[in-house]
Amino acid sequence: MRIGIDLGSRMAKFALMGENGEILKLAECETIRFYKRHGRLEGDSLVLDLAGSGLLGDADLEGAPLVVTGYGRNTIPLRGGED
């Protein structure tokens, strides 16, 4: 599975895709509301609690590659991934 996140200025959108590119789950939330409820700063980085948001479950997130687009893409470091 793969997870796609678009961190837009007004809306944050989330997609869970299967192995063959099929869309398994879509969700969206107002960006500011999402950040206030499920984000926190650690140093200069934004950390998001995706599991705690209820938008994607623990099973969805386990080991899934993550792709981030939108204006907020540079605020989430991909730990253990490639730049």
Protein backbone atom coordinates (compact mmCIF):
# COMPACT_ATOMS: atom_id res chain seq x y z
CA MET A 1 0.00 0.00 0.00
CA ARG A 2 0.95 3.64 -0.44
CA ILE A 3 -0.20 6.79 1.33
CA GLY A 4 -0.56 10.12 -0.44
CA ILE A 5 -0.98 13.40 1.44
CA ASP A 6 -1.68 16.78 -0.13
CA LEU A 7 -1.08 19.50 2.46
CA GLY A 8 -2.83 22.42 0.81
CA SER A 9 -3.31 25.90 2.18
CA ARG A 10 -7.04 25.29 2.75
CA MET A 11 -7.55 21.53 2.74
CA ALA A 12 -5.41 18.53 3.69
CA LYS A 13 -6.26 15.49 1.59
CA PHE A 14 -5.31 11.87 2.26
CA ALA A 15 -5.38 8.81 0.01
CA LEU A 16 -4.62 5.18 0.69
CA MET A 17 -3.75 3.24 -2.48
CA GLY A 18 -3.44 -0.49 -2.98
CA GLU A 19 -0.62 -2.38 -4.65
CA ASN A 20 -2.14 -1.92 -8.11
CA GLY A 21 -2.80 1.80 -7.69
CA GLU A 22 -6.45 1.41 -6.77
CA ILE A 23 -7.81 3.96 -4.32
CA LEU A 24 -8.85 2.22 -1.12
CA LYS A 25 -9.66 5.23 1.05
CA LEU A 26 -9.98 8.99 0.60
CA ALA A 27 -10.35 11.61 3.33
CA GLU A 28 -9.98 15.36 3.70
CA CYS A 29 -9.98 17.95 6.45
CA GLU A 30 -9.50 21.71 6.72
CA THR A 31 -5.75 22.22 6.97
CA ILE A 32 -5.71 24.57 9.99
CA ARG A 33 -8.15 22.39 11.94
CA PHE A 34 -6.08 19.29 11.11
CA TYR A 35 -2.82 20.94 12.22
CA LYS A 36 -4.36 22.20 15.47
CA ARG A 37 -5.85 18.83 16.40
CA HIS A 38 -3.26 16.40 15.06
CA GLY A 39 -0.01 18.29 14.57
CA ARG A 40 2.79 19.50 16.79
CA LEU A 41 6.17 21.11 16.25
CA GLU A 42 9.37 19.27 17.10
CA GLY A 43 12.21 21.67 16.49
CA ASP A 44 11.66 23.02 12.97
CA SER A 45 9.59 20.04 11.82
CA LEU A 46 5.86 19.45 11.84
CA VAL A 47 4.87 16.04 13.20
CA LEU A 48 1.42 14.73 12.28
CA ASP A 49 -0.51 12.11 14.24
CA LEU A 50 -2.16 10.38 11.28
CA ALA A 51 -3.33 7.38 13.29
CA GLY A 52 -4.79 9.61 15.99
CA SER A 53 -6.65 11.65 13.38
CA GLY A 54 -8.88 8.72 12.49
CA LEU A 55 -8.37 9.47 8.79
CA LEU A 56 -6.05 6.50 8.33
CA GLY A 57 -5.78 3.55 10.69
CA ASP A 58 -2.70 1.95 12.22
CA ALA A 59 -2.98 -0.97 9.79
CA ASP A 60 -3.07 1.47 6.85
CA LEU A 61 0.07 3.25 8.06
CA GLU A 62 2.18 0.22 8.95
CA GLY A 63 5.17 0.20 6.60
CA ALA A 64 3.38 2.06 3.81
CA PRO A 65 5.49 4.43 1.70
CA LEU A 66 4.43 8.06 2.09
CA VAL A 67 4.25 10.75 -0.61
CA VAL A 68 3.55 14.35 0.43
CA THR A 69 2.61 17.18 -1.96
CA GLY A 70 1.26 20.71 -1.57
CA TYR A 71 2.62 23.73 0.23
CA GLY A 72 3.29 21.75 3.42
CA ARG A 73 5.41 19.06 1.78
CA ASN A 74 8.66 20.57 3.02
CA THR A 75 7.53 20.57 6.66
CA ILE A 76 7.47 16.78 7.05
CA PRO A 77 10.87 15.10 6.97
CA LEU A 78 10.81 11.55 5.59
CA ARG A 79 12.71 9.70 8.28
CA GLY A 80 14.60 6.75 6.93
CA GLY A 81 13.57 7.63 3.38
CA GLU A 82 15.34 9.23 0.49
CA ASP A 83 15.21 12.97 -0.25
